[in-house]
Amino acid sequence: SLKPCVVVLYVFLISYSVLVRDVDAAGECGRTPIRSAAASLSPCLG
């Protein structure tokens, strides 16, 4: 089944982007970096 592989790849790419790419949100997420706040919402991707 290709679907589980696509999901794993998708989560990996998002995690990689969150860890590597710096996104500036001008402190809208308080003391939490926006990339960390975004990663916490990974259950919402679908």
All heavy atoms as atom14 arrays in JSON, in Angstrom:
{
  "sequence": "SLKPCVVVLYVFLISYSVLVRDVDAAGECGRTPIRSAAASLSPCLG",
  "atom14_mask": [
    [1, 1, 1, 1, 1, 1, 0, 0, 0, 0, 0, 0, 0, 0],
    [1, 1, 1, 1, 1, 1, 1, 1, 0, 0, 0, 0, 0, 0],
    [1, 1, 1, 1, 1, 1, 1, 1, 1, 0, 0, 0, 0, 0],
    [1, 1, 1, 1, 1, 1, 1, 0, 0, 0, 0, 0, 0, 0],
    [1, 1, 1, 1, 1, 1, 0, 0, 0, 0, 0, 0, 0, 0],
    [1, 1, 1, 1, 1, 1, 1, 0, 0, 0, 0, 0, 0, 0],
    [1, 1, 1, 1, 1, 1, 1, 0, 0, 0, 0, 0, 0, 0],
    [1, 1, 1, 1, 1, 1, 1, 0, 0, 0, 0, 0, 0, 0],
    [1, 1, 1, 1, 1, 1, 1, 1, 0, 0, 0, 0, 0, 0],
    [1, 1, 1, 1, 1, 1, 1, 1, 1, 1, 1, 1, 0, 0],
    [1, 1, 1, 1, 1, 1, 1, 0, 0, 0, 0, 0, 0, 0],
    [1, 1, 1, 1, 1, 1, 1, 1, 1, 1, 1, 0, 0, 0],
    [1, 1, 1, 1, 1, 1, 1, 1, 0, 0, 0, 0, 0, 0],
    [1, 1, 1, 1, 1, 1, 1, 1, 0, 0, 0, 0, 0, 0],
    [1, 1, 1, 1, 1, 1, 0, 0, 0, 0, 0, 0, 0, 0],
    [1, 1, 1, 1, 1, 1, 1, 1, 1, 1, 1, 1, 0, 0],
    [1, 1, 1, 1, 1, 1, 0, 0, 0, 0, 0, 0, 0, 0],
    [1, 1, 1, 1, 1, 1, 1, 0, 0, 0, 0, 0, 0, 0],
    [1, 1, 1, 1, 1, 1, 1, 1, 0, 0, 0, 0, 0, 0],
    [1, 1, 1, 1, 1, 1, 1, 0, 0, 0, 0, 0, 0, 0],
    [1, 1, 1, 1, 1, 1, 1, 1, 1, 1, 1, 0, 0, 0],
    [1, 1, 1, 1, 1, 1, 1, 1, 0, 0, 0, 0, 0, 0],
    [1, 1, 1, 1, 1, 1, 1, 0, 0, 0, 0, 0, 0, 0],
    [1, 1, 1, 1, 1, 1, 1, 1, 0, 0, 0, 0, 0, 0],
    [1, 1, 1, 1, 1, 0, 0, 0, 0, 0, 0, 0, 0, 0],
    [1, 1, 1, 1, 1, 0, 0, 0, 0, 0, 0, 0, 0, 0],
    [1, 1, 1, 1, 0, 0, 0, 0, 0, 0, 0, 0, 0, 0],
    [1, 1, 1, 1, 1, 1, 1, 1, 1, 0, 0, 0, 0, 0],
    [1, 1, 1, 1, 1, 1, 0, 0, 0, 0, 0, 0, 0, 0],
    [1, 1, 1, 1, 0, 0, 0, 0, 0, 0, 0, 0, 0, 0],
    [1, 1, 1, 1, 1, 1, 1, 1, 1, 1, 1, 0, 0, 0],
    [1, 1, 1, 1, 1, 1, 1, 0, 0, 0, 0, 0, 0, 0],
    [1, 1, 1, 1, 1, 1, 1, 0, 0, 0, 0, 0, 0, 0],
    [1, 1, 1, 1, 1, 1, 1, 1, 0, 0, 0, 0, 0, 0],
    [1, 1, 1, 1, 1, 1, 1, 1, 1, 1, 1, 0, 0, 0],
    [1, 1, 1, 1, 1, 1, 0, 0, 0, 0, 0, 0, 0, 0],
    [1, 1, 1, 1, 1, 0, 0, 0, 0, 0, 0, 0, 0, 0],
    [1, 1, 1, 1, 1, 0, 0, 0, 0, 0, 0, 0, 0, 0],
    [1, 1, 1, 1, 1, 0, 0, 0, 0, 0, 0, 0, 0, 0],
    [1, 1, 1, 1, 1, 1, 0, 0, 0, 0, 0, 0, 0, 0],
    [1, 1, 1, 1, 1, 1, 1, 1, 0, 0, 0, 0, 0, 0],
    [1, 1, 1, 1, 1, 1, 0, 0, 0, 0, 0, 0, 0, 0],
    [1, 1, 1, 1, 1, 1, 1, 0, 0, 0, 0, 0, 0, 0],
    [1, 1, 1, 1, 1, 1, 0, 0, 0, 0, 0, 0, 0, 0],
    [1, 1, 1, 1, 1, 1, 1, 1, 0, 0, 0, 0, 0, 0],
    [1, 1, 1, 1, 0, 0, 0, 0, 0, 0, 0, 0, 0, 0]
  ],
  "atom14_positions": [
    [[0.85, -1.19, 0.0], [0.0, 0.0, 0.0], [0.88, 1.23, 0.0], [1.78, 1.39, 0.83], [-0.91, 0.0, 1.23], [-1.66, 1.18, 1.25], [0.0, 0.0, 0.0], [0.0, 0.0, 0.0], [0.0, 0.0, 0.0], [0.0, 0.0, 0.0], [0.0, 0.0, 0.0], [0.0, 0.0, 0.0], [0.0, 0.0, 0.0], [0.0, 0.0, 0.0]],
    [[0.63, 2.11, -0.93], [1.43, 3.33, -1.07], [1.01, 4.39, -0.06], [1.84, 5.21, 0.35], [1.26, 3.87, -2.5], [2.15, 5.0, -2.92], [3.61, 4.6, -2.77], [1.87, 5.39, -4.34], [0.0, 0.0, 0.0], [0.0, 0.0, 0.0], [0.0, 0.0, 0.0], [0.0, 0.0, 0.0], [0.0, 0.0, 0.0], [0.0, 0.0, 0.0]],
    [[-0.23, 4.36, 0.39], [-0.73, 5.4, 1.29], [0.09, 5.55, 2.57], [0.48, 6.66, 2.92], [-2.21, 5.15, 1.61], [-2.85, 6.27, 2.37], [-4.33, 6.03, 2.56], [-4.96, 7.2, 3.3], [-6.37, 7.03, 3.49], [0.0, 0.0, 0.0], [0.0, 0.0, 0.0], [0.0, 0.0, 0.0], [0.0, 0.0, 0.0], [0.0, 0.0, 0.0]],
    [[0.4, 4.47, 3.31], [1.21, 4.65, 4.52], [2.58, 5.25, 4.23], [3.09, 6.05, 5.0], [1.33, 3.24, 5.1], [0.18, 2.48, 4.54], [-0.07, 3.09, 3.18], [0.0, 0.0, 0.0], [0.0, 0.0, 0.0], [0.0, 0.0, 0.0], [0.0, 0.0, 0.0], [0.0, 0.0, 0.0], [0.0, 0.0, 0.0], [0.0, 0.0, 0.0]],
    [[3.17, 4.88, 3.11], [4.48, 5.42, 2.75], [4.39, 6.92, 2.48], [5.27, 7.68, 2.88], [5.03, 4.71, 1.52], [5.43, 2.98, 1.84], [0.0, 0.0, 0.0], [0.0, 0.0, 0.0], [0.0, 0.0, 0.0], [0.0, 0.0, 0.0], [0.0, 0.0, 0.0], [0.0, 0.0, 0.0], [0.0, 0.0, 0.0], [0.0, 0.0, 0.0]],
    [[3.33, 7.33, 1.81], [3.15, 8.75, 1.51], [2.95, 9.54, 2.81], [3.52, 10.62, 2.98], [1.96, 8.97, 0.54], [1.61, 10.43, 0.41], [2.28, 8.37, -0.81], [0.0, 0.0, 0.0], [0.0, 0.0, 0.0], [0.0, 0.0, 0.0], [0.0, 0.0, 0.0], [0.0, 0.0, 0.0], [0.0, 0.0, 0.0], [0.0, 0.0, 0.0]],
    [[2.18, 8.99, 3.74], [1.94, 9.67, 5.01], [3.24, 9.81, 5.79], [3.54, 10.89, 6.32], [0.88, 8.9, 5.85], [0.79, 9.44, 7.26], [-0.48, 8.98, 5.16], [0.0, 0.0, 0.0], [0.0, 0.0, 0.0], [0.0, 0.0, 0.0], [0.0, 0.0, 0.0], [0.0, 0.0, 0.0], [0.0, 0.0, 0.0], [0.0, 0.0, 0.0]],
    [[4.04, 8.77, 5.85], [5.31, 8.82, 6.57], [6.24, 9.85, 5.92], [6.87, 10.65, 6.61], [5.98, 7.42, 6.62], [7.42, 7.51, 7.11], [5.17, 6.49, 7.5], [0.0, 0.0, 0.0], [0.0, 0.0, 0.0], [0.0, 0.0, 0.0], [0.0, 0.0, 0.0], [0.0, 0.0, 0.0], [0.0, 0.0, 0.0], [0.0, 0.0, 0.0]],
    [[6.3, 9.84, 4.6], [7.14, 10.81, 3.89], [6.66, 12.23, 4.16], [7.46, 13.13, 4.4], [7.13, 10.52, 2.39], [7.94, 11.47, 1.52], [9.41, 11.42, 1.92], [7.77, 11.12, 0.06], [0.0, 0.0, 0.0], [0.0, 0.0, 0.0], [0.0, 0.0, 0.0], [0.0, 0.0, 0.0], [0.0, 0.0, 0.0], [0.0, 0.0, 0.0]],
    [[5.37, 12.44, 4.14], [4.78, 13.75, 4.38], [5.13, 14.26, 5.78], [5.56, 15.4, 5.96], [3.26, 13.65, 4.21], [2.53, 14.94, 4.15], [2.66, 15.8, 3.09], [1.69, 15.31, 5.19], [1.97, 17.0, 3.04], [1.01, 16.5, 5.16], [1.15, 17.34, 4.08], [0.47, 18.52, 4.05], [0.0, 0.0, 0.0], [0.0, 0.0, 0.0]],
    [[4.98, 13.41, 6.79], [5.3, 13.79, 8.17], [6.8, 14.08, 8.29], [7.2, 15.05, 8.94], [4.85, 12.7, 9.17], [5.4, 12.96, 10.55], [3.34, 12.62, 9.19], [0.0, 0.0, 0.0], [0.0, 0.0, 0.0], [0.0, 0.0, 0.0], [0.0, 0.0, 0.0], [0.0, 0.0, 0.0], [0.0, 0.0, 0.0], [0.0, 0.0, 0.0]],
    [[7.62, 13.26, 7.65], [9.06, 13.5, 7.69], [9.41, 14.85, 7.08], [10.19, 15.62, 7.64], [9.81, 12.39, 6.95], [11.28, 12.69, 6.78], [12.15, 12.54, 7.84], [11.77, 13.15, 5.57], [13.5, 12.84, 7.7], [13.11, 13.46, 5.42], [13.98, 13.3, 6.49], [0.0, 0.0, 0.0], [0.0, 0.0, 0.0], [0.0, 0.0, 0.0]],
    [[8.84, 15.15, 5.91], [9.14, 16.42, 5.25], [8.7, 17.61, 6.09], [9.42, 18.61, 6.18], [8.49, 16.47, 3.86], [9.11, 15.53, 2.83], [8.3, 15.54, 1.54], [10.56, 15.89, 2.56], [0.0, 0.0, 0.0], [0.0, 0.0, 0.0], [0.0, 0.0, 0.0], [0.0, 0.0, 0.0], [0.0, 0.0, 0.0], [0.0, 0.0, 0.0]],
    [[7.56, 17.5, 6.71], [7.09, 18.59, 7.55], [7.99, 18.74, 8.78], [8.38, 19.85, 9.13], [5.63, 18.37, 7.96], [4.8, 18.54, 6.72], [5.21, 19.32, 9.07], [3.35, 18.54, 6.87], [0.0, 0.0, 0.0], [0.0, 0.0, 0.0], [0.0, 0.0, 0.0], [0.0, 0.0, 0.0], [0.0, 0.0, 0.0], [0.0, 0.0, 0.0]],
    [[8.33, 17.63, 9.39], [9.23, 17.68, 10.55], [10.57, 18.29, 10.17], [11.12, 19.11, 10.88], [9.45, 16.28, 11.13], [8.23, 15.74, 11.55], [0.0, 0.0, 0.0], [0.0, 0.0, 0.0], [0.0, 0.0, 0.0], [0.0, 0.0, 0.0], [0.0, 0.0, 0.0], [0.0, 0.0, 0.0], [0.0, 0.0, 0.0], [0.0, 0.0, 0.0]],
    [[11.08, 17.9, 9.02], [12.34, 18.42, 8.55], [12.25, 19.93, 8.32], [13.11, 20.69, 8.74], [12.75, 17.72, 7.25], [14.05, 18.23, 6.68], [15.26, 17.83, 7.25], [14.07, 19.09, 5.61], [16.46, 18.29, 6.74], [15.26, 19.56, 5.1], [16.46, 19.16, 5.66], [17.63, 19.62, 5.17], [0.0, 0.0, 0.0], [0.0, 0.0, 0.0]],
    [[11.15, 20.36, 7.69], [10.95, 21.79, 7.45], [10.85, 22.56, 8.76], [11.37, 23.65, 8.89], [9.68, 22.03, 6.64], [9.83, 21.52, 5.34], [0.0, 0.0, 0.0], [0.0, 0.0, 0.0], [0.0, 0.0, 0.0], [0.0, 0.0, 0.0], [0.0, 0.0, 0.0], [0.0, 0.0, 0.0], [0.0, 0.0, 0.0], [0.0, 0.0, 0.0]],
    [[10.18, 21.98, 9.72], [10.02, 22.63, 11.02], [11.36, 22.78, 11.71], [11.66, 23.82, 12.3], [9.03, 21.84, 11.91], [9.08, 22.3, 13.34], [7.63, 21.97, 11.36], [0.0, 0.0, 0.0], [0.0, 0.0, 0.0], [0.0, 0.0, 0.0], [0.0, 0.0, 0.0], [0.0, 0.0, 0.0], [0.0, 0.0, 0.0], [0.0, 0.0, 0.0]],
    [[12.19, 21.77, 11.63], [13.47, 21.81, 12.32], [14.52, 22.66, 11.59], [15.36, 23.28, 12.23], [14.01, 20.39, 12.49], [13.2, 19.5, 13.41], [13.73, 18.07, 13.36], [13.23, 20.02, 14.83], [0.0, 0.0, 0.0], [0.0, 0.0, 0.0], [0.0, 0.0, 0.0], [0.0, 0.0, 0.0], [0.0, 0.0, 0.0], [0.0, 0.0, 0.0]],
    [[14.46, 22.71, 10.28], [15.5, 23.37, 9.51], [15.15, 24.81, 9.15], [15.98, 25.7, 9.23], [15.8, 22.57, 8.23], [16.76, 23.31, 7.33], [16.37, 21.21, 8.59], [0.0, 0.0, 0.0], [0.0, 0.0, 0.0], [0.0, 0.0, 0.0], [0.0, 0.0, 0.0], [0.0, 0.0, 0.0], [0.0, 0.0, 0.0], [0.0, 0.0, 0.0]],
    [[13.94, 25.05, 8.78], [13.55, 26.35, 8.28], [13.1, 27.25, 9.41], [12.3, 26.89, 10.24], [12.42, 26.19, 7.27], [12.16, 27.43, 6.51], [11.29, 27.06, 5.32], [11.13, 28.21, 4.49], [11.75, 28.38, 3.35], [12.56, 27.47, 2.91], [11.53, 29.45, 2.64], [0.0, 0.0, 0.0], [0.0, 0.0, 0.0], [0.0, 0.0, 0.0]],
    [[13.57, 28.47, 9.43], [13.21, 29.44, 10.46], [12.11, 30.33, 9.92], [12.27, 30.96, 8.88], [14.43, 30.27, 10.85], [14.14, 31.18, 12.03], [13.19, 30.89, 12.77], [14.88, 32.16, 12.21], [0.0, 0.0, 0.0], [0.0, 0.0, 0.0], [0.0, 0.0, 0.0], [0.0, 0.0, 0.0], [0.0, 0.0, 0.0], [0.0, 0.0, 0.0]],
    [[10.98, 30.36, 10.6], [9.85, 31.17, 10.18], [9.63, 32.26, 11.21], [9.51, 31.99, 12.39], [8.57, 30.3, 10.05], [7.41, 31.15, 9.62], [8.8, 29.18, 9.08], [0.0, 0.0, 0.0], [0.0, 0.0, 0.0], [0.0, 0.0, 0.0], [0.0, 0.0, 0.0], [0.0, 0.0, 0.0], [0.0, 0.0, 0.0], [0.0, 0.0, 0.0]],
    [[9.58, 33.51, 10.76], [9.41, 34.63, 11.67], [7.94, 35.0, 11.75], [7.33, 35.35, 10.75], [10.22, 35.83, 11.15], [10.1, 37.03, 12.06], [9.75, 36.85, 13.24], [10.36, 38.14, 11.58], [0.0, 0.0, 0.0], [0.0, 0.0, 0.0], [0.0, 0.0, 0.0], [0.0, 0.0, 0.0], [0.0, 0.0, 0.0], [0.0, 0.0, 0.0]],
    [[7.37, 34.94, 12.95], [5.97, 35.29, 13.13], [5.82, 36.47, 14.06], [4.75, 36.72, 14.58], [5.19, 34.11, 13.67], [0.0, 0.0, 0.0], [0.0, 0.0, 0.0], [0.0, 0.0, 0.0], [0.0, 0.0, 0.0], [0.0, 0.0, 0.0], [0.0, 0.0, 0.0], [0.0, 0.0, 0.0], [0.0, 0.0, 0.0], [0.0, 0.0, 0.0]],
    [[6.86, 37.23, 14.27], [6.83, 38.45, 15.08], [6.26, 38.19, 16.47], [5.58, 39.03, 17.02], [6.05, 39.53, 14.36], [0.0, 0.0, 0.0], [0.0, 0.0, 0.0], [0.0, 0.0, 0.0], [0.0, 0.0, 0.0], [0.0, 0.0, 0.0], [0.0, 0.0, 0.0], [0.0, 0.0, 0.0], [0.0, 0.0, 0.0], [0.0, 0.0, 0.0]],
    [[6.53, 37.04, 17.05], [6.13, 36.75, 18.41], [4.65, 36.45, 18.61], [4.17, 36.49, 19.74], [0.0, 0.0, 0.0], [0.0, 0.0, 0.0], [0.0, 0.0, 0.0], [0.0, 0.0, 0.0], [0.0, 0.0, 0.0], [0.0, 0.0, 0.0], [0.0, 0.0, 0.0], [0.0, 0.0, 0.0], [0.0, 0.0, 0.0], [0.0, 0.0, 0.0]],
    [[3.93, 36.14, 17.56], [2.49, 35.84, 17.7], [2.25, 34.6, 18.54], [1.17, 34.42, 19.06], [1.84, 35.67, 16.32], [1.86, 36.92, 15.46], [1.01, 38.05, 16.01], [0.18, 37.82, 16.9], [1.19, 39.19, 15.55], [0.0, 0.0, 0.0], [0.0, 0.0, 0.0], [0.0, 0.0, 0.0], [0.0, 0.0, 0.0], [0.0, 0.0, 0.0]],
    [[3.25, 33.77, 18.67], [3.11, 32.54, 19.45], [3.76, 32.67, 20.82], [4.12, 31.66, 21.44], [3.68, 31.36, 18.67], [2.78, 31.04, 17.13], [0.0, 0.0, 0.0], [0.0, 0.0, 0.0], [0.0, 0.0, 0.0], [0.0, 0.0, 0.0], [0.0, 0.0, 0.0], [0.0, 0.0, 0.0], [0.0, 0.0, 0.0], [0.0, 0.0, 0.0]],
    [[3.91, 33.89, 21.27], [4.51, 34.12, 22.58], [5.97, 33.73, 22.59], [6.71, 34.04, 21.66], [0.0, 0.0, 0.0], [0.0, 0.0, 0.0], [0.0, 0.0, 0.0], [0.0, 0.0, 0.0], [0.0, 0.0, 0.0], [0.0, 0.0, 0.0], [0.0, 0.0, 0.0], [0.0, 0.0, 0.0], [0.0, 0.0, 0.0], [0.0, 0.0, 0.0]],
    [[6.38, 33.02, 23.61], [7.78, 32.61, 23.74], [8.09, 31.35, 22.95], [9.24, 30.94, 22.85], [8.11, 32.4, 25.21], [7.95, 33.69, 26.0], [7.96, 33.44, 27.47], [9.32, 33.5, 27.98], [9.63, 33.26, 29.22], [8.7, 32.92, 30.09], [10.87, 33.34, 29.63], [0.0, 0.0, 0.0], [0.0, 0.0, 0.0], [0.0, 0.0, 0.0]],
    [[7.08, 30.72, 22.4], [7.26, 29.51, 21.61], [7.58, 29.88, 20.16], [6.82, 30.62, 19.55], [5.97, 28.65, 21.63], [5.62, 28.38, 22.98], [6.15, 27.36, 20.87], [0.0, 0.0, 0.0], [0.0, 0.0, 0.0], [0.0, 0.0, 0.0], [0.0, 0.0, 0.0], [0.0, 0.0, 0.0], [0.0, 0.0, 0.0], [0.0, 0.0, 0.0]],
    [[8.66, 29.37, 19.6], [8.93, 29.64, 18.19], [7.8, 29.09, 17.32], [7.23, 28.03, 17.63], [10.23, 28.87, 17.92], [10.85, 28.65, 19.26], [9.7, 28.57, 20.23], [0.0, 0.0, 0.0], [0.0, 0.0, 0.0], [0.0, 0.0, 0.0], [0.0, 0.0, 0.0], [0.0, 0.0, 0.0], [0.0, 0.0, 0.0], [0.0, 0.0, 0.0]],
    [[7.46, 29.8, 16.28], [6.33, 29.39, 15.44], [6.54, 27.98, 14.88], [5.58, 27.22, 14.75], [6.04, 30.4, 14.33], [4.7, 30.08, 13.67], [7.17, 30.47, 13.34], [4.19, 31.13, 12.73], [0.0, 0.0, 0.0], [0.0, 0.0, 0.0], [0.0, 0.0, 0.0], [0.0, 0.0, 0.0], [0.0, 0.0, 0.0], [0.0, 0.0, 0.0]],
    [[7.76, 27.62, 14.59], [8.01, 26.28, 14.04], [7.65, 25.2, 15.06], [7.14, 24.14, 14.7], [9.43, 26.15, 13.53], [10.48, 26.3, 14.56], [11.89, 26.28, 13.95], [12.88, 26.53, 14.96], [13.32, 27.73, 15.29], [12.86, 28.79, 14.69], [14.24, 27.87, 16.23], [0.0, 0.0, 0.0], [0.0, 0.0, 0.0], [0.0, 0.0, 0.0]],
    [[7.88, 25.47, 16.34], [7.51, 24.51, 17.39], [6.0, 24.45, 17.56], [5.43, 23.36, 17.74], [8.17, 24.89, 18.71], [9.56, 24.85, 18.6], [0.0, 0.0, 0.0], [0.0, 0.0, 0.0], [0.0, 0.0, 0.0], [0.0, 0.0, 0.0], [0.0, 0.0, 0.0], [0.0, 0.0, 0.0], [0.0, 0.0, 0.0], [0.0, 0.0, 0.0]],
    [[5.36, 25.62, 17.51], [3.9, 25.65, 17.62], [3.27, 24.91, 16.44], [2.31, 24.15, 16.61], [3.42, 27.1, 17.67], [0.0, 0.0, 0.0], [0.0, 0.0, 0.0], [0.0, 0.0, 0.0], [0.0, 0.0, 0.0], [0.0, 0.0, 0.0], [0.0, 0.0, 0.0], [0.0, 0.0, 0.0], [0.0, 0.0, 0.0], [0.0, 0.0, 0.0]],
    [[3.83, 25.11, 15.25], [3.31, 24.42, 14.06], [3.5, 22.91, 14.18], [2.59, 22.14, 13.85], [4.0, 24.95, 12.81], [0.0, 0.0, 0.0], [0.0, 0.0, 0.0], [0.0, 0.0, 0.0], [0.0, 0.0, 0.0], [0.0, 0.0, 0.0], [0.0, 0.0, 0.0], [0.0, 0.0, 0.0], [0.0, 0.0, 0.0], [0.0, 0.0, 0.0]],
    [[4.64, 22.49, 14.67], [4.91, 21.06, 14.83], [3.93, 20.42, 15.81], [3.53, 19.27, 15.64], [6.35, 20.83, 15.29], [0.0, 0.0, 0.0], [0.0, 0.0, 0.0], [0.0, 0.0, 0.0], [0.0, 0.0, 0.0], [0.0, 0.0, 0.0], [0.0, 0.0, 0.0], [0.0, 0.0, 0.0], [0.0, 0.0, 0.0], [0.0, 0.0, 0.0]],
    [[3.51, 21.19, 16.83], [2.57, 20.63, 17.81], [1.21, 20.35, 17.19], [0.43, 19.58, 17.72], [2.42, 21.57, 19.0], [1.62, 22.69, 18.68], [0.0, 0.0, 0.0], [0.0, 0.0, 0.0], [0.0, 0.0, 0.0], [0.0, 0.0, 0.0], [0.0, 0.0, 0.0], [0.0, 0.0, 0.0], [0.0, 0.0, 0.0], [0.0, 0.0, 0.0]],
    [[0.94, 20.99, 16.05], [-0.35, 20.79, 15.38], [-0.3, 19.7, 14.31], [-1.22, 19.59, 13.5], [-0.81, 22.12, 14.75], [-1.09, 23.25, 15.74], [-1.44, 24.53, 14.99], [-2.19, 22.87, 16.7], [0.0, 0.0, 0.0], [0.0, 0.0, 0.0], [0.0, 0.0, 0.0], [0.0, 0.0, 0.0], [0.0, 0.0, 0.0], [0.0, 0.0, 0.0]],
    [[0.74, 18.88, 14.32], [0.85, 17.83, 13.31], [-0.35, 16.87, 13.28], [-0.67, 16.37, 12.2], [2.15, 17.05, 13.48], [2.19, 16.4, 14.72], [0.0, 0.0, 0.0], [0.0, 0.0, 0.0], [0.0, 0.0, 0.0], [0.0, 0.0, 0.0], [0.0, 0.0, 0.0], [0.0, 0.0, 0.0], [0.0, 0.0, 0.0], [0.0, 0.0, 0.0]],
    [[-1.07, 16.64, 14.38], [-2.26, 15.78, 14.28], [-3.35, 16.38, 13.39], [-4.29, 15.7, 13.01], [-2.76, 15.66, 15.72], [-1.59, 15.99, 16.58], [-0.77, 16.97, 15.79], [0.0, 0.0, 0.0], [0.0, 0.0, 0.0], [0.0, 0.0, 0.0], [0.0, 0.0, 0.0], [0.0, 0.0, 0.0], [0.0, 0.0, 0.0], [0.0, 0.0, 0.0]],
    [[-3.21, 17.66, 13.05], [-4.24, 18.35, 12.26], [-3.97, 18.33, 10.76], [-4.78, 18.85, 9.98], [-4.33, 19.82, 12.7], [-4.68, 20.06, 14.44], [0.0, 0.0, 0.0], [0.0, 0.0, 0.0], [0.0, 0.0, 0.0], [0.0, 0.0, 0.0], [0.0, 0.0, 0.0], [0.0, 0.0, 0.0], [0.0, 0.0, 0.0], [0.0, 0.0, 0.0]],
    [[-2.87, 17.75, 10.33], [-2.48, 17.85, 8.92], [-3.55, 17.37, 7.95], [-3.83, 18.03, 6.97], [-1.17, 17.09, 8.68], [0.08, 17.81, 9.14], [1.3, 16.92, 8.95], [0.25, 19.12, 8.39], [0.0, 0.0, 0.0], [0.0, 0.0, 0.0], [0.0, 0.0, 0.0], [0.0, 0.0, 0.0], [0.0, 0.0, 0.0], [0.0, 0.0, 0.0]],
    [[-4.13, 16.24, 8.2], [-5.16, 15.72, 7.29], [-6.36, 16.62, 7.2], [-6.87, 16.91, 6.12], [0.0, 0.0, 0.0], [0.0, 0.0, 0.0], [0.0, 0.0, 0.0], [0.0, 0.0, 0.0], [0.0, 0.0, 0.0], [0.0, 0.0, 0.0], [0.0, 0.0, 0.0], [0.0, 0.0, 0.0], [0.0, 0.0, 0.0], [0.0, 0.0, 0.0]]
  ]
}
